[in-house]
Protein backbone atom coordinates (compact mmCIF):
# COMPACT_ATOMS: atom_id res chain seq x y z
CA MET A 1 -9.65 -15.42 13.19
CA LYS A 2 -6.30 -14.19 13.04
CA LYS A 3 -3.09 -16.03 12.84
CA SER A 4 -0.92 -15.19 15.61
CA VAL A 5 2.56 -15.28 15.00
CA SER A 6 3.46 -18.30 16.84
CA ASN A 7 1.29 -20.17 14.06
CA LEU A 8 3.22 -18.21 11.15
CA ASN A 9 5.52 -20.31 8.83
CA PRO A 10 9.17 -20.36 9.62
CA LEU A 11 9.78 -18.15 6.47
CA THR A 12 7.39 -15.83 7.19
CA LYS A 13 8.25 -15.53 10.94
CA LYS A 14 12.00 -14.83 9.80
CA ASN A 15 10.98 -12.08 7.75
CA PHE A 16 8.53 -10.70 10.04
CA ILE A 17 11.15 -10.50 12.92
CA THR A 18 13.65 -8.86 10.67
CA LEU A 19 11.31 -6.47 9.87
CA LEU A 20 10.27 -5.88 13.60
CA ILE A 21 14.07 -5.25 14.36
CA CYS A 22 14.57 -2.21 12.03
CA VAL A 23 11.37 -1.03 13.46
CA VAL A 24 12.40 -1.03 16.72
CA ILE A 25 15.86 0.44 15.95
CA PHE A 26 14.46 3.27 14.61
CA ALA A 27 11.88 3.97 17.01
CA ALA A 28 15.20 3.85 19.82
CA VAL A 29 17.23 6.19 17.50
CA GLN A 30 13.80 8.75 17.41
CA PHE A 31 13.58 8.38 21.26
CA TRP A 32 17.82 9.33 21.04
CA GLN A 33 16.69 12.13 19.02
CA ALA A 34 13.93 13.70 20.99
CA SER A 35 15.73 13.14 24.03
CA GLY A 36 18.12 15.63 23.26
CA SER A 37 21.59 13.69 23.57
CA MET A 38 21.95 12.67 20.68
CA GLY A 39 25.57 14.61 19.24
CA SER A 40 25.78 15.40 15.78
CA LEU A 41 28.11 12.87 14.84
CA TYR A 42 25.51 10.27 15.53
CA GLN A 43 22.64 12.39 13.72
CA GLY A 44 25.15 12.70 10.62
CA LEU A 45 25.10 8.64 10.32
CA LEU A 46 22.14 7.62 10.53
CA VAL A 47 21.28 8.75 6.32
CA PRO A 48 24.43 6.88 5.82
CA ILE A 49 23.89 3.86 7.78
CA CYS A 50 20.15 3.61 5.68
CA ILE A 51 22.24 4.06 2.34
CA TYR A 52 24.22 1.07 3.19
CA VAL A 53 21.92 -1.23 4.02
CA ILE A 54 19.98 -0.28 1.05
CA MET A 55 23.37 -0.94 -1.07
CA ALA A 56 24.13 -4.18 1.06
CA VAL A 57 20.38 -5.88 1.19
CA SER A 58 20.45 -5.16 -2.61
CA LEU A 59 23.90 -6.66 -3.16
CA ASN A 60 23.05 -9.63 -1.35
CA LEU A 61 20.09 -10.45 -3.93
CA VAL A 62 22.88 -11.05 -6.60
CA VAL A 63 25.85 -12.62 -4.53
CA GLY A 64 23.75 -14.42 -1.26
CA TYR A 65 20.70 -15.20 -3.74
CA LEU A 66 21.77 -15.92 -7.16
CA GLY A 67 25.14 -17.02 -6.13
CA GLU A 68 27.16 -14.40 -8.62
CA LEU A 69 30.54 -12.05 -7.51
CA SER A 70 29.74 -8.55 -8.67
CA LEU A 71 32.14 -5.78 -7.92
CA GLY A 72 30.35 -3.17 -9.68
CA HIS A 73 27.41 -2.29 -7.61
CA ALA A 74 28.60 1.31 -7.04
CA GLY A 75 28.70 2.20 -10.42
CA PHE A 76 24.78 1.33 -10.31
CA MET A 77 24.76 3.89 -7.21
CA CYS A 78 26.83 6.56 -9.35
CA VAL A 79 24.18 6.22 -12.02
CA GLY A 80 21.16 6.79 -9.69
CA ALA A 81 23.16 9.44 -7.01
CA TYR A 82 23.87 11.91 -10.78
CA THR A 83 20.28 10.95 -12.65
CA SER A 84 18.61 11.69 -9.44
CA SER A 85 20.34 14.84 -8.75
CA LEU A 86 20.15 16.12 -12.18
CA PHE A 87 16.32 15.89 -12.11
CA SER A 88 16.06 17.81 -8.95
CA ILE A 89 18.26 20.80 -10.06
CA MET A 90 16.28 21.24 -13.37
CA THR A 91 13.32 20.83 -11.92
CA GLN A 92 13.55 22.36 -8.53
CA SER A 93 11.75 25.89 -10.08
CA THR A 94 8.90 24.01 -11.71
CA ILE A 95 8.12 21.18 -9.12
CA SER A 96 7.78 23.33 -6.02
CA ASN A 97 6.73 20.50 -3.69
CA SER A 98 10.17 19.13 -2.20
CA LEU A 99 8.59 15.74 -1.27
CA LEU A 100 6.93 15.01 -4.62
CA ARG A 101 10.24 16.12 -6.36
CA PHE A 102 12.38 14.37 -4.37
CA ALA A 103 9.87 11.00 -4.91
CA ILE A 104 10.44 11.00 -8.56
CA ALA A 105 13.54 11.89 -8.57
CA ILE A 106 14.33 8.47 -6.46
CA LEU A 107 12.15 6.55 -9.16
CA ILE A 108 14.05 8.16 -11.77
CA GLY A 109 17.59 7.14 -10.00
CA GLY A 110 16.53 3.55 -9.79
CA ILE A 111 15.22 3.16 -12.99
CA PHE A 112 18.21 4.90 -15.05
CA ALA A 113 20.10 2.18 -12.67
CA ALA A 114 18.14 -0.59 -13.61
CA ILE A 115 18.64 0.17 -17.18
CA PHE A 116 22.31 0.08 -16.84
CA GLY A 117 21.94 -3.35 -14.93
CA VAL A 118 20.09 -4.83 -18.06
CA ILE A 119 22.92 -3.12 -20.63
CA VAL A 120 25.83 -4.04 -18.40
CA GLY A 121 23.93 -7.67 -17.59
CA ILE A 122 23.14 -8.86 -21.22
CA PRO A 123 26.81 -9.46 -21.81
CA VAL A 124 28.41 -10.16 -18.31
CA LEU A 125 26.03 -12.86 -16.56
CA ARG A 126 27.08 -15.38 -19.53
CA LEU A 127 30.53 -15.31 -17.40
CA ARG A 128 30.76 -16.91 -13.92
CA GLY A 129 32.78 -16.58 -10.75
CA ASP A 130 36.07 -14.27 -11.23
CA TYR A 131 35.55 -13.28 -14.66
CA LEU A 132 32.17 -11.69 -13.73
CA ALA A 133 33.59 -10.39 -11.18
CA ILE A 134 36.33 -8.54 -13.07
CA VAL A 135 34.17 -7.74 -15.92
CA THR A 136 31.73 -6.09 -12.98
CA LEU A 137 34.56 -4.05 -11.65
CA ALA A 138 35.52 -2.81 -14.92
CA PHE A 139 31.88 -1.52 -15.49
CA GLY A 140 31.86 -0.11 -12.68
CA GLU A 141 34.78 1.77 -13.33
CA ILE A 142 33.82 2.97 -16.60
CA ILE A 143 30.62 4.12 -15.23
CA LYS A 144 32.53 6.25 -12.67
CA ASN A 145 35.05 8.01 -15.35
CA LEU A 146 32.35 8.42 -17.81
CA MET A 147 30.30 10.65 -14.96
CA ASN A 148 33.79 12.35 -14.85
CA VAL A 149 33.97 13.35 -18.14
CA LEU A 150 30.38 13.91 -18.96
CA TYR A 151 29.39 17.85 -18.87
CA VAL A 152 25.81 18.91 -18.44
CA GLY A 153 24.47 22.37 -18.99
CA VAL A 154 20.60 23.79 -19.39
CA ASP A 155 19.35 26.83 -21.06
CA ASN A 156 16.37 28.33 -22.76
CA ASN A 157 17.04 26.44 -25.41
CA GLY A 158 17.40 23.02 -23.74
CA ILE A 159 19.84 20.44 -22.55
CA HIS A 160 23.47 20.88 -23.42
CA ILE A 161 25.60 17.57 -23.51
CA ALA A 162 29.76 17.62 -24.13
CA ILE A 163 32.26 15.52 -23.28
CA GLU A 164 35.33 17.35 -23.70
CA ASP A 165 34.83 20.77 -21.93
CA SER A 166 32.77 23.34 -20.45
CA THR A 167 33.28 25.53 -23.33
CA LYS A 168 31.53 22.97 -26.20
CA LEU A 169 28.38 23.28 -24.31
CA ASN A 170 27.63 26.71 -26.17
CA ILE A 171 25.09 27.96 -23.15
CA ASP A 172 23.31 31.30 -23.61
CA TYR A 173 24.53 32.58 -19.91
CA THR A 174 23.04 35.70 -20.56
CA ASN A 175 19.37 33.85 -20.92
CA GLY A 176 19.61 32.13 -17.33
CA GLY A 177 21.53 29.22 -18.51
CA LYS A 178 23.98 27.50 -16.45
CA ILE A 179 26.28 24.22 -16.07
CA ILE A 180 24.80 21.88 -13.91
CA LEU A 181 27.46 18.60 -14.09
CA ASN A 182 30.85 20.06 -14.48
CA GLY A 183 33.17 17.05 -14.93
CA PRO A 184 35.28 15.92 -12.42
CA GLN A 185 33.87 18.88 -10.31
CA GLY A 186 30.68 17.34 -10.35
CA ILE A 187 27.30 18.64 -9.33
CA THR A 188 26.63 21.14 -6.47
CA GLY A 189 23.40 22.82 -5.58
CA THR A 190 21.54 19.06 -4.96
CA PRO A 191 18.40 19.92 -2.83
CA ARG A 192 19.06 18.65 0.52
CA ASP A 193 15.79 16.17 0.90
CA SER A 194 17.11 13.33 2.50
CA ASN A 195 16.17 12.46 6.23
CA PHE A 196 16.33 9.75 8.45
CA ILE A 197 12.91 9.03 7.97
CA ILE A 198 12.72 8.73 4.09
CA GLY A 199 15.71 6.68 4.79
CA PHE A 200 13.83 4.38 6.68
CA ILE A 201 11.42 4.22 4.57
CA LEU A 202 13.19 3.10 1.94
CA VAL A 203 15.50 0.64 3.71
CA MET A 204 11.73 -0.92 5.05
CA ILE A 205 10.47 -0.65 1.17
CA THR A 206 13.52 -2.66 0.16
CA LEU A 207 13.45 -5.53 2.45
CA ILE A 208 10.02 -5.88 1.94
CA VAL A 209 10.42 -6.13 -1.81
CA ILE A 210 13.18 -8.59 -1.72
CA MET A 211 11.96 -10.79 0.51
CA ASN A 212 8.74 -11.11 -1.52
CA PHE A 213 10.56 -11.28 -3.96
CA VAL A 214 13.20 -14.16 -3.12
CA ASN A 215 10.27 -16.12 -2.08
CA SER A 216 8.22 -15.94 -5.53
CA ARG A 217 8.57 -18.04 -8.36
CA THR A 218 11.06 -15.91 -9.69
CA GLY A 219 13.07 -16.07 -6.63
CA ARG A 220 12.95 -19.64 -6.48
CA ALA A 221 14.18 -20.12 -10.04
CA ILE A 222 16.93 -17.95 -9.15
CA THR A 223 17.93 -19.71 -6.28
CA ALA A 224 17.69 -22.97 -8.18
CA ILE A 225 20.08 -21.48 -10.76
CA ARG A 226 22.81 -20.85 -7.91
CA ASP A 227 22.13 -24.19 -6.21
CA ASN A 228 22.65 -26.13 -9.57
CA ARG A 229 22.92 -24.14 -12.82
CA ILE A 230 22.40 -27.40 -15.09
CA ALA A 231 19.84 -29.19 -13.52
CA ALA A 232 18.17 -25.43 -13.52
CA ALA A 233 18.23 -25.49 -17.21
CA SER A 234 17.51 -29.32 -17.78
CA VAL A 235 14.32 -28.50 -16.09
CA GLY A 236 13.55 -25.39 -18.54
CA ILE A 237 14.30 -22.12 -16.43
CA ASN A 238 16.04 -20.00 -18.73
CA VAL A 239 19.36 -18.83 -16.68
CA THR A 240 20.16 -15.84 -18.43
CA LYS A 241 16.77 -14.12 -18.21
CA TYR A 242 16.37 -14.96 -14.19
CA LYS A 243 19.84 -13.82 -13.32
CA LEU A 244 19.63 -10.61 -15.37
CA ILE A 245 16.37 -10.26 -13.65
CA ALA A 246 17.89 -10.41 -10.26
CA PHE A 247 20.93 -7.80 -11.80
CA ALA A 248 18.40 -5.24 -12.36
CA LEU A 249 16.39 -5.07 -9.45
CA ALA A 250 19.56 -5.32 -7.55
CA ALA A 251 20.94 -2.11 -9.54
CA PHE A 252 17.49 -0.53 -9.05
CA PHE A 253 17.66 -0.38 -5.33
CA ALA A 254 21.43 0.73 -5.41
CA GLY A 255 20.23 3.73 -7.82
CA VAL A 256 18.08 4.39 -4.97
CA ALA A 257 20.59 4.21 -2.58
CA GLY A 258 22.46 6.47 -5.07
CA ALA A 259 19.63 8.90 -4.82
CA LEU A 260 19.60 9.22 -1.48
CA TYR A 261 23.18 9.59 -1.29
CA SER A 262 23.22 12.56 -3.76
CA HIS A 263 20.04 14.32 -1.57
CA ASN A 264 22.71 13.62 1.20
CA THR A 265 25.66 16.05 0.01
CA ALA A 266 26.68 19.89 -0.79
CA SER A 267 28.49 18.48 -3.46
CA LEU A 268 28.59 15.50 -5.44
CA SER A 269 31.63 13.86 -7.32
CA ALA A 270 32.44 10.46 -8.76
CA THR A 271 35.52 9.20 -6.88
CA THR A 272 36.88 6.26 -5.78
CA LYS A 273 36.20 6.41 -2.58
CA ASN A 274 32.43 7.13 -3.17
CA PHE A 275 31.64 5.16 -6.44
CA GLY A 276 34.72 3.13 -7.20
CA TYR A 277 35.99 -0.10 -6.93
CA MET A 278 36.54 0.35 -2.76
CA MET A 279 33.12 0.79 -1.82
CA SER A 280 31.96 -2.05 -4.39
CA ILE A 281 34.48 -4.01 -1.91
CA MET A 282 33.49 -2.48 1.53
CA VAL A 283 29.33 -3.38 0.82
CA LEU A 284 30.44 -6.89 0.01
CA VAL A 285 32.15 -7.16 3.38
CA TYR A 286 28.84 -6.29 4.75
CA VAL A 287 27.38 -8.40 3.08
CA VAL A 288 29.74 -11.87 3.24
CA LEU A 289 30.26 -10.68 7.40
CA GLY A 290 26.58 -9.92 7.83
CA GLY A 291 25.79 -13.88 5.96
CA MET A 292 25.02 -15.15 2.30
CA ALA A 293 21.13 -14.77 1.47
CA SER A 294 20.57 -13.42 5.03
CA LEU A 295 18.87 -10.08 4.85
CA ARG A 296 18.88 -9.56 8.53
CA GLY A 297 22.34 -10.09 8.34
CA SER A 298 23.56 -7.64 6.21
CA VAL A 299 21.35 -4.95 7.63
CA ILE A 300 23.02 -5.56 11.32
CA ALA A 301 26.06 -6.06 9.64
CA THR A 302 26.06 -2.70 7.79
CA ILE A 303 24.90 -0.86 11.12
CA ILE A 304 27.42 -2.50 13.30
CA LEU A 305 30.79 -1.82 10.89
CA TYR A 306 29.90 1.39 9.44
CA ALA A 307 29.13 2.63 12.42
CA LEU A 308 32.05 1.22 14.94
CA PRO A 309 35.15 3.21 13.86
CA GLU A 310 32.97 6.42 14.76
CA VAL A 311 32.10 5.25 17.88
CA LEU A 312 35.57 4.04 18.39
CA ARG A 313 36.83 7.56 17.58
CA GLN A 314 34.87 8.99 20.62
CA PHE A 315 37.36 7.02 22.84
CA ASN A 316 40.42 8.57 24.54
CA ASP A 317 43.45 8.60 22.74
CA ASP A 318 44.67 5.38 23.57
CA ILE A 319 41.81 3.55 21.99
CA ASN A 320 41.78 5.74 19.13
CA ASN A 321 45.02 5.60 17.89
CA TYR A 322 44.13 2.09 17.56
CA ARG A 323 40.28 2.12 16.26
CA MET A 324 41.48 0.56 12.58
CA LEU A 325 43.10 -2.13 14.38
CA ILE A 326 40.29 -3.10 16.61
CA TYR A 327 37.98 -2.45 13.59
CA ALA A 328 40.24 -5.17 11.73
CA ILE A 329 40.29 -8.09 14.89
CA ILE A 330 36.68 -7.26 14.66
CA LEU A 331 36.35 -7.96 11.41
CA ILE A 332 38.48 -11.36 11.50
CA VAL A 333 36.63 -12.56 14.50
CA MET A 334 33.00 -12.34 12.80
CA MET A 335 34.10 -13.75 9.67
CA LEU A 336 35.65 -16.96 11.95
CA ILE A 337 32.56 -17.03 13.70
CA ASN A 338 29.95 -16.25 10.82
CA ASN A 339 31.59 -18.72 8.13
CA ASN A 340 32.82 -21.40 9.90
CA ASP A 341 30.63 -24.49 9.35
CA THR A 342 32.59 -26.87 11.20
CA ILE A 343 31.86 -24.68 14.37
CA LYS A 344 28.45 -24.25 13.42
CA ASN A 345 27.70 -28.39 12.73
CA LYS A 346 29.32 -29.59 15.84
CA LEU A 347 27.46 -27.01 17.85
CA ASN A 348 24.31 -27.90 16.11
CA GLN A 349 25.43 -31.84 16.08
CA PHE A 350 25.30 -31.19 20.31
CA LYS A 351 21.92 -29.38 20.57
CA ASN A 352 20.22 -31.94 18.53
CA ASN A 353 21.82 -34.48 20.73
CA LYS A 354 21.57 -33.23 24.00
CA ASN A 355 17.70 -32.29 23.25
CA LYS A 356 17.22 -36.13 22.43
CA SER A 357 18.87 -37.36 25.76
CA PRO A 358 16.97 -38.69 28.44
CA LYS A 359 15.56 -36.89 31.10
CA GLY A 360 17.41 -35.80 33.72
CA LYS A 361 21.00 -37.11 32.38
CA GLU A 362 22.77 -34.43 30.11
CA PRO A 363 25.72 -35.36 28.07
CA GLU A 364 29.24 -34.51 29.69
CA THR A 365 30.79 -33.91 26.68
CA VAL A 366 30.36 -33.29 23.05
CA LYS A 367 31.99 -36.83 21.98
CA GLU A 368 29.70 -38.69 24.49
CA ALA A 369 26.73 -36.63 22.78
CA GLU A 370 27.95 -38.08 19.20
CA VAL A 371 27.65 -41.68 20.54
């Protein structure tokens, strides 16, 4: 006999509700698209929202569950975007099935990002607090700038790589050679394989994997490190090892988001807006406002905060002129409500005392409830 939803343990029920919310949102969007009333602006937001949801959920693994502040998440997204794009362009003529090619490109982007996560994490994760944030920020900028000085070309003789300029590639253009990555000009010609359905599937995979990860033995070790590093080390938990696992997994999904991003744009270039520290900070805002160690909060906060400026843009000029001011006020209000422990504790205490009060007699004030 199957268990009903009400008989599930609270954690499983919470994860089930989160996944159900995502399915309901997906179904609502599909219905909106089928009705023909969705404008091109909102259709253009669908894939980017999936990208940033994956980024926020994966960063929450490091910031919320591991308890470390990382500001280099956009750098791993950059690695995934570039490696997956290079793969798709070079195999476009050999792998005719676009869905298969894109699936392999996503895996390659995630794997390379995870490798960079391990390389960066080995020296960096021995630091803590502000020091970790500064060093991860520096590594993110290094990765972005490395992509801006890299030149990659291909011809019948193989792949050519240079870091000075395109003339150093020595490509045989008469023999089908071409430049794929042209330094700061980036990559053009990436197949536009991304769509909302694929983005939604990747969001669900990300949520399911991270939900199972944080509830596994490894995930419990990571939360133990977050709660008390010294106590975790004293009972035999290898702190560096488990921190590196979480960091690499978060980097993997950042690379997956990067692959989705690169296959949704006509040209790919490593700029501060796309893969710089501002991107990392923006994703961190989604995580903090959604709630630390709250995957559902990361999903909802990302959808609202990413779409809000564009929604406000559609109003009349009086509102449109103040849309960023309205956006900033909403951020402040969400921060106060979501992170004010005093208000939460008072409300929870009031609810508990109200439930314990005699039937038919309600406490008139919070003070009376406390008495």
